[in-house]
Each structure stands twice: as C-alpha cells, then as structure tokens.
Amino acid sequence: MTRSRAQDPNVCGVTAAIAVIDGKWKTSLLWLLESGPHRPGELRRRLPGLSEKVLTQALREMEQDGLVHRDVHDVLPPKTVYSLTEFGQDLATALNPLAEWGYRRLDRLRPSEAAAS
C-alpha cells in the first residue's frame, strides 16, 4: 500500500488507517511508545532486527502523520525523545480491539499446532 493512500479522501476509513501503520515496524513502535516516551536507541534495543535507517524512516513517517512527537533536547550529545501525540494515542486505543482479536486468533491456532506435531 502506498503512503499516498493515507491522504486519499476516496478510500474507506480502514484503508486510510492501515496506510498510516503499514509496514513491518510501525505497529510495534506504536505499541512501545504507548507505554511512554522512548529514545531511539531504546526502541532499537527493544526491537531486534530493526535497523537505524528503517527506525528513522518509520518515526519520520509517523511524525508526518501526526502520531508521534519528536522532542530534541539542546544538550551535548543531542538527546532525542519520541512520544505519542494525542492523535497517536487515539490510534493505539482504536487498535486495542484489533489486538484482542489477534490474540484470540493466536489462541485458536495453538491447538492445531499441537495436533500437527
């Protein structure tokens, strides 16, 4: 899905929402930031396999979409902290029922995995 779909007024609301969180890492970043502000290094440590380049790109896109706030402290070395905006919190809250559905789906898959072994 292209990022332009996130701004297209002629798509359904679900498509517009998914366009904002599309990608491998954005939902995980949203989930981590829901617990409070984090520095980029903390986010990378909590998400093994996430490169600095991809983290920076995802956070910039999330900032452009109004989901995260980037706070740069004027100290040496520079200190940057990311947190969810109110709009980002709204999205996290809206995704909670979907997460619950996902957990129920995973629970349903577990018995079939045990039977297949």
N, C-alpha and C. Protein backbone atom coordinates (compact mmCIF):
# COMPACT_ATOMS: atom_id res chain seq x y z
N MET A 1 0.86 -1.17 0.00
CA MET A 1 0.00 0.00 0.00
C MET A 1 0.90 1.23 0.00
N THR A 2 0.56 2.20 -0.80
CA THR A 2 1.39 3.39 -0.88
C THR A 2 0.99 4.40 0.18
N ARG A 3 1.95 5.25 0.55
CA ARG A 3 1.67 6.27 1.56
C ARG A 3 0.62 7.25 1.08
N SER A 4 0.50 7.43 -0.23
CA SER A 4 -0.50 8.38 -0.75
C SER A 4 -1.92 7.94 -0.40
N ARG A 5 -2.12 6.63 -0.18
CA ARG A 5 -3.45 6.15 0.20
C ARG A 5 -3.87 6.71 1.56
N ALA A 6 -2.90 7.07 2.39
CA ALA A 6 -3.23 7.62 3.71
C ALA A 6 -3.89 8.99 3.60
N GLN A 7 -3.66 9.70 2.50
CA GLN A 7 -4.25 11.03 2.32
C GLN A 7 -5.36 11.06 1.29
N ASP A 8 -5.64 9.94 0.66
CA ASP A 8 -6.66 9.88 -0.38
C ASP A 8 -8.06 9.92 0.25
N PRO A 9 -8.84 10.98 -0.01
CA PRO A 9 -10.17 11.07 0.61
C PRO A 9 -11.18 10.10 0.00
N ASN A 10 -10.80 9.40 -1.07
CA ASN A 10 -11.73 8.50 -1.75
C ASN A 10 -11.53 7.03 -1.38
N VAL A 11 -10.87 6.77 -0.25
CA VAL A 11 -10.73 5.39 0.22
C VAL A 11 -11.53 5.24 1.51
N CYS A 12 -11.82 3.99 1.86
CA CYS A 12 -12.57 3.78 3.10
C CYS A 12 -11.68 4.11 4.30
N GLY A 13 -12.28 4.36 5.43
CA GLY A 13 -11.54 4.74 6.63
C GLY A 13 -10.55 3.69 7.09
N VAL A 14 -10.89 2.42 6.95
CA VAL A 14 -9.98 1.35 7.36
C VAL A 14 -8.72 1.39 6.51
N THR A 15 -8.88 1.58 5.20
CA THR A 15 -7.73 1.67 4.30
C THR A 15 -6.86 2.86 4.67
N ALA A 16 -7.45 3.99 4.97
CA ALA A 16 -6.70 5.18 5.36
C ALA A 16 -5.95 4.94 6.66
N ALA A 17 -6.56 4.24 7.60
CA ALA A 17 -5.90 3.94 8.88
C ALA A 17 -4.75 2.96 8.68
N ILE A 18 -4.98 1.92 7.91
CA ILE A 18 -3.94 0.91 7.69
C ILE A 18 -2.76 1.52 6.93
N ALA A 19 -3.02 2.45 6.04
CA ALA A 19 -1.93 3.10 5.30
C ALA A 19 -0.97 3.81 6.25
N VAL A 20 -1.49 4.30 7.37
CA VAL A 20 -0.67 5.02 8.34
C VAL A 20 0.21 4.06 9.15
N ILE A 21 -0.26 2.84 9.39
CA ILE A 21 0.51 1.89 10.20
C ILE A 21 1.10 0.76 9.37
N ASP A 22 1.03 0.90 8.05
CA ASP A 22 1.54 -0.12 7.16
C ASP A 22 3.05 -0.26 7.32
N GLY A 23 3.53 -1.46 7.25
CA GLY A 23 4.95 -1.73 7.36
C GLY A 23 5.22 -2.68 8.51
N LYS A 24 6.42 -3.19 8.53
CA LYS A 24 6.79 -4.22 9.50
C LYS A 24 6.90 -3.69 10.92
N TRP A 25 7.31 -2.44 11.11
CA TRP A 25 7.69 -1.97 12.44
C TRP A 25 6.75 -0.95 13.08
N LYS A 26 5.89 -0.31 12.32
CA LYS A 26 5.11 0.80 12.88
C LYS A 26 4.17 0.37 14.01
N THR A 27 3.53 -0.78 13.88
CA THR A 27 2.64 -1.20 14.97
C THR A 27 3.44 -1.51 16.21
N SER A 28 4.63 -2.10 16.07
CA SER A 28 5.48 -2.37 17.23
C SER A 28 5.95 -1.08 17.88
N LEU A 29 6.31 -0.10 17.06
CA LEU A 29 6.73 1.20 17.59
C LEU A 29 5.57 1.88 18.32
N LEU A 30 4.40 1.81 17.73
CA LEU A 30 3.21 2.39 18.36
C LEU A 30 2.97 1.73 19.72
N TRP A 31 3.09 0.40 19.76
CA TRP A 31 2.88 -0.35 21.00
C TRP A 31 3.90 0.04 22.07
N LEU A 32 5.18 0.17 21.68
CA LEU A 32 6.20 0.56 22.65
C LEU A 32 6.00 1.99 23.14
N LEU A 33 5.69 2.90 22.22
CA LEU A 33 5.51 4.30 22.60
C LEU A 33 4.25 4.52 23.43
N GLU A 34 3.32 3.57 23.34
CA GLU A 34 2.11 3.68 24.16
C GLU A 34 2.45 3.63 25.66
N SER A 35 3.56 2.98 26.00
CA SER A 35 3.96 2.88 27.41
C SER A 35 4.69 4.12 27.90
N GLY A 36 5.03 5.03 27.00
CA GLY A 36 5.69 6.26 27.40
C GLY A 36 6.79 6.65 26.42
N PRO A 37 7.41 7.81 26.64
CA PRO A 37 8.45 8.30 25.75
C PRO A 37 9.67 7.37 25.72
N HIS A 38 10.30 7.29 24.56
CA HIS A 38 11.50 6.47 24.39
C HIS A 38 12.51 7.20 23.51
N ARG A 39 13.78 6.94 23.79
CA ARG A 39 14.85 7.42 22.92
C ARG A 39 15.02 6.41 21.79
N PRO A 40 15.54 6.84 20.64
CA PRO A 40 15.70 5.92 19.51
C PRO A 40 16.51 4.67 19.85
N GLY A 41 17.57 4.82 20.62
CA GLY A 41 18.38 3.66 21.00
C GLY A 41 17.59 2.64 21.80
N GLU A 42 16.71 3.12 22.67
CA GLU A 42 15.86 2.21 23.46
C GLU A 42 14.93 1.44 22.53
N LEU A 43 14.37 2.13 21.56
CA LEU A 43 13.45 1.48 20.63
C LEU A 43 14.17 0.39 19.83
N ARG A 44 15.38 0.69 19.39
CA ARG A 44 16.16 -0.30 18.63
C ARG A 44 16.49 -1.51 19.49
N ARG A 45 16.85 -1.29 20.75
CA ARG A 45 17.16 -2.42 21.64
C ARG A 45 15.94 -3.29 21.89
N ARG A 46 14.79 -2.67 21.95
CA ARG A 46 13.55 -3.42 22.24
C ARG A 46 13.03 -4.15 21.01
N LEU A 47 13.50 -3.77 19.82
CA LEU A 47 13.05 -4.38 18.58
C LEU A 47 14.24 -4.92 17.79
N PRO A 48 14.76 -6.08 18.19
CA PRO A 48 15.91 -6.66 17.48
C PRO A 48 15.58 -6.84 15.99
N GLY A 49 16.54 -6.52 15.16
CA GLY A 49 16.34 -6.64 13.72
C GLY A 49 15.95 -5.33 13.05
N LEU A 50 15.59 -4.34 13.85
CA LEU A 50 15.21 -3.03 13.32
C LEU A 50 16.48 -2.20 13.12
N SER A 51 16.76 -1.84 11.88
CA SER A 51 17.96 -1.05 11.60
C SER A 51 17.72 0.42 11.95
N GLU A 52 18.80 1.14 12.15
CA GLU A 52 18.69 2.57 12.46
C GLU A 52 18.02 3.33 11.32
N LYS A 53 18.36 2.96 10.09
CA LYS A 53 17.77 3.63 8.91
C LYS A 53 16.26 3.43 8.87
N VAL A 54 15.81 2.20 9.06
CA VAL A 54 14.38 1.91 8.99
C VAL A 54 13.66 2.55 10.18
N LEU A 55 14.28 2.53 11.36
CA LEU A 55 13.69 3.19 12.53
C LEU A 55 13.49 4.68 12.25
N THR A 56 14.52 5.33 11.73
CA THR A 56 14.43 6.76 11.44
C THR A 56 13.34 7.04 10.42
N GLN A 57 13.28 6.22 9.39
CA GLN A 57 12.25 6.41 8.35
C GLN A 57 10.85 6.22 8.93
N ALA A 58 10.65 5.17 9.71
CA ALA A 58 9.33 4.91 10.29
C ALA A 58 8.91 6.03 11.23
N LEU A 59 9.83 6.47 12.09
CA LEU A 59 9.50 7.55 13.03
C LEU A 59 9.20 8.86 12.30
N ARG A 60 9.94 9.14 11.23
CA ARG A 60 9.66 10.36 10.45
C ARG A 60 8.28 10.31 9.82
N GLU A 61 7.93 9.14 9.25
CA GLU A 61 6.60 9.00 8.65
C GLU A 61 5.52 9.11 9.72
N MET A 62 5.74 8.51 10.87
CA MET A 62 4.76 8.59 11.95
C MET A 62 4.63 10.02 12.47
N GLU A 63 5.74 10.75 12.46
CA GLU A 63 5.70 12.16 12.85
C GLU A 63 4.91 12.97 11.83
N GLN A 64 5.15 12.73 10.53
CA GLN A 64 4.42 13.42 9.47
C GLN A 64 2.93 13.13 9.56
N ASP A 65 2.57 11.92 9.97
CA ASP A 65 1.16 11.54 10.08
C ASP A 65 0.53 12.00 11.39
N GLY A 66 1.32 12.67 12.23
CA GLY A 66 0.78 13.22 13.47
C GLY A 66 0.65 12.22 14.60
N LEU A 67 1.32 11.07 14.48
CA LEU A 67 1.21 10.03 15.51
C LEU A 67 2.24 10.18 16.62
N VAL A 68 3.43 10.66 16.28
CA VAL A 68 4.48 10.80 17.28
C VAL A 68 5.00 12.22 17.32
N HIS A 69 5.50 12.57 18.49
CA HIS A 69 6.13 13.87 18.71
C HIS A 69 7.62 13.62 18.92
N ARG A 70 8.42 14.39 18.24
CA ARG A 70 9.88 14.30 18.36
C ARG A 70 10.36 15.48 19.18
N ASP A 71 10.97 15.19 20.33
CA ASP A 71 11.45 16.23 21.22
C ASP A 71 12.97 16.18 21.25
N VAL A 72 13.61 17.23 20.72
CA VAL A 72 15.07 17.29 20.68
C VAL A 72 15.53 18.21 21.80
N HIS A 73 16.32 17.64 22.72
CA HIS A 73 16.86 18.42 23.85
C HIS A 73 18.18 19.03 23.43
N ASP A 74 18.37 20.29 23.78
CA ASP A 74 19.56 21.04 23.40
C ASP A 74 20.69 20.78 24.40
N VAL A 75 21.25 19.56 24.32
CA VAL A 75 22.38 19.18 25.16
C VAL A 75 23.42 18.51 24.27
N LEU A 76 24.62 18.33 24.81
CA LEU A 76 25.66 17.61 24.09
C LEU A 76 25.94 16.31 24.81
N PRO A 77 25.91 15.19 24.17
CA PRO A 77 25.45 15.00 22.80
C PRO A 77 23.94 15.21 22.71
N PRO A 78 23.43 15.50 21.51
CA PRO A 78 21.99 15.75 21.35
C PRO A 78 21.17 14.56 21.87
N LYS A 79 20.06 14.89 22.48
CA LYS A 79 19.17 13.87 23.03
C LYS A 79 17.80 14.03 22.38
N THR A 80 17.32 12.96 21.75
CA THR A 80 16.02 12.98 21.09
C THR A 80 15.12 11.97 21.78
N VAL A 81 13.89 12.38 22.03
CA VAL A 81 12.91 11.52 22.68
C VAL A 81 11.63 11.55 21.84
N TYR A 82 11.07 10.35 21.61
CA TYR A 82 9.83 10.23 20.86
C TYR A 82 8.71 9.82 21.80
N SER A 83 7.54 10.40 21.58
CA SER A 83 6.35 10.04 22.36
C SER A 83 5.14 10.10 21.44
N LEU A 84 4.07 9.46 21.87
CA LEU A 84 2.83 9.51 21.10
C LEU A 84 2.14 10.84 21.29
N THR A 85 1.59 11.35 20.23
CA THR A 85 0.74 12.53 20.32
C THR A 85 -0.64 12.06 20.80
N GLU A 86 -1.52 13.00 21.03
CA GLU A 86 -2.89 12.63 21.39
C GLU A 86 -3.54 11.84 20.25
N PHE A 87 -3.24 12.23 19.01
CA PHE A 87 -3.76 11.53 17.84
C PHE A 87 -3.20 10.10 17.78
N GLY A 88 -1.92 9.95 18.13
CA GLY A 88 -1.30 8.63 18.17
C GLY A 88 -1.91 7.77 19.26
N GLN A 89 -2.22 8.39 20.41
CA GLN A 89 -2.90 7.66 21.49
C GLN A 89 -4.28 7.21 21.05
N ASP A 90 -4.97 8.07 20.30
CA ASP A 90 -6.28 7.70 19.76
C ASP A 90 -6.17 6.46 18.88
N LEU A 91 -5.14 6.43 18.03
CA LEU A 91 -4.94 5.28 17.16
C LEU A 91 -4.64 4.03 17.98
N ALA A 92 -3.78 4.15 18.97
CA ALA A 92 -3.44 3.00 19.82
C ALA A 92 -4.69 2.46 20.51
N THR A 93 -5.53 3.35 20.98
CA THR A 93 -6.78 2.94 21.62
C THR A 93 -7.70 2.26 20.62
N ALA A 94 -7.76 2.80 19.42
CA ALA A 94 -8.61 2.21 18.38
C ALA A 94 -8.11 0.82 17.97
N LEU A 95 -6.80 0.60 18.05
CA LEU A 95 -6.23 -0.69 17.65
C LEU A 95 -6.36 -1.77 18.73
N ASN A 96 -6.68 -1.39 19.96
CA ASN A 96 -6.79 -2.37 21.04
C ASN A 96 -7.78 -3.49 20.74
N PRO A 97 -8.98 -3.22 20.23
CA PRO A 97 -9.88 -4.34 19.89
C PRO A 97 -9.30 -5.25 18.80
N LEU A 98 -8.58 -4.67 17.86
CA LEU A 98 -7.94 -5.48 16.82
C LEU A 98 -6.86 -6.37 17.43
N ALA A 99 -6.11 -5.84 18.39
CA ALA A 99 -5.09 -6.63 19.08
C ALA A 99 -5.74 -7.79 19.83
N GLU A 100 -6.85 -7.52 20.49
CA GLU A 100 -7.56 -8.59 21.21
C GLU A 100 -8.01 -9.67 20.24
N TRP A 101 -8.51 -9.27 19.09
CA TRP A 101 -8.92 -10.24 18.08
C TRP A 101 -7.70 -11.07 17.64
N GLY A 102 -6.56 -10.41 17.47
CA GLY A 102 -5.34 -11.10 17.08
C GLY A 102 -4.91 -12.13 18.11
N TYR A 103 -5.01 -11.78 19.40
CA TYR A 103 -4.67 -12.75 20.45
C TYR A 103 -5.62 -13.94 20.43
N ARG A 104 -6.91 -13.68 20.21
CA ARG A 104 -7.87 -14.80 20.11
C ARG A 104 -7.54 -15.69 18.92
N ARG A 105 -7.14 -15.08 17.83
CA ARG A 105 -6.75 -15.87 16.66
C ARG A 105 -5.54 -16.74 16.98
N LEU A 106 -4.56 -16.18 17.65
CA LEU A 106 -3.38 -16.96 18.03
C LEU A 106 -3.74 -18.11 18.95
N ASP A 107 -4.68 -17.86 19.88
CA ASP A 107 -5.15 -18.93 20.77
C ASP A 107 -5.80 -20.05 19.97
N ARG A 108 -6.55 -19.70 18.94
CA ARG A 108 -7.21 -20.71 18.10
C ARG A 108 -6.20 -21.54 17.31
N LEU A 109 -5.09 -20.93 16.95
CA LEU A 109 -4.07 -21.63 16.18
C LEU A 109 -3.26 -22.60 17.02
N ARG A 110 -3.13 -22.34 18.31
CA ARG A 110 -2.30 -23.17 19.17
C ARG A 110 -2.73 -24.64 19.21
N PRO A 111 -4.01 -24.96 19.40
CA PRO A 111 -4.38 -26.38 19.44
C PRO A 111 -4.08 -27.10 18.13
N SER A 112 -4.26 -26.43 17.01
CA SER A 112 -4.00 -27.10 15.72
C SER A 112 -2.49 -27.33 15.53
N GLU A 113 -1.65 -26.47 16.12
CA GLU A 113 -0.21 -26.69 16.05
C GLU A 113 0.19 -27.90 16.86
N ALA A 114 -0.43 -28.08 18.05
CA ALA A 114 -0.10 -29.21 18.90
C ALA A 114 -0.57 -30.51 18.26
N ALA A 115 -1.71 -30.49 17.60
CA ALA A 115 -2.24 -31.69 16.94
C ALA A 115 -1.39 -32.08 15.74
N ALA A 116 -0.78 -31.10 15.09
CA ALA A 116 0.03 -31.38 13.90
C ALA A 116 1.38 -31.97 14.27
N SER A 117 1.80 -31.83 15.53
CA SER A 117 3.14 -32.32 15.95
C SER A 117 3.17 -33.81 16.12
